[in-house]
């Protein structure tokens, strides 16, 4: 029997099974049944699913700094389209959500704000003023997550010293070790390996003065995290101290295994590129 015929038989069988399900006995059963029926209705007859992978506006906004980093310029038409799309997703309070129908998200909003400024949008525009005020109300740059910190550090808008340490030497650990990159999900693994290289190299792309976002740091605050004494205890304290230790090792003149680990990370990324 061919693959197509076998897949068709399984598809027909699945449809029959769903059709024979008993009447749901509660809200949870009903939700599961409706979700299953919907997914099966979207399945291609050859057994796979094809759909649009949607994301928040920061993915489109990220095209602007990405092109600036890679080439030093941005295609005017594409830049215009990206700006228009990002603005079309802005909420009334000036922020941007991380998912459709969701509330404003600090990190998405900071990334979008930076991209808009890099695209040449004036910070005095009413929609930029609303965004800036709402971002500051949420804590500004002092409260952004790790990914946003690294993203901004690549453009000189955040201090590399205040980003976490992810030693690239992790690439040298065998798959059977107590901790290795394969402990992470596939999508996380691809990101983490790339971040290892970025955090080791700490490349910085200088941007024009008009694109700087120092105004997003609350007055009297710094990006550097200074926790309370009790937060040095427990697992949180352990990882904070480990981070300090790993950063200290960057200053050592001899770094055994560093070059080998970087080469392995580079090859891993190339091998897993689609």
Foldseek 3Di string as FASTA:
>chain_A
DDLLVVLLVVLVVVVVVLVPDDDDDDPVSVVVSVVVVVVSVQADSSGHHDDDDDWWLLVLLVVQVVCCLVPVDDDLVSLVVSLVVNVVQADPQLAHDGDPPDDGDLLSLVSNLLSCQLSVNACPPPSNVSSLVVNVVVQFLLDYDQVSQLVCLQAVQHDLVQHFADALLLQVDDPPDPDHLVVDDPVVSLVSLVVNLCSLVSHHHYGDPSSHDPSRHPPPDDNHDDDDPVCCDDPSVVRVVVRVVNVVVSPDPDDPPRVVSNVSSVVVNVVPDD
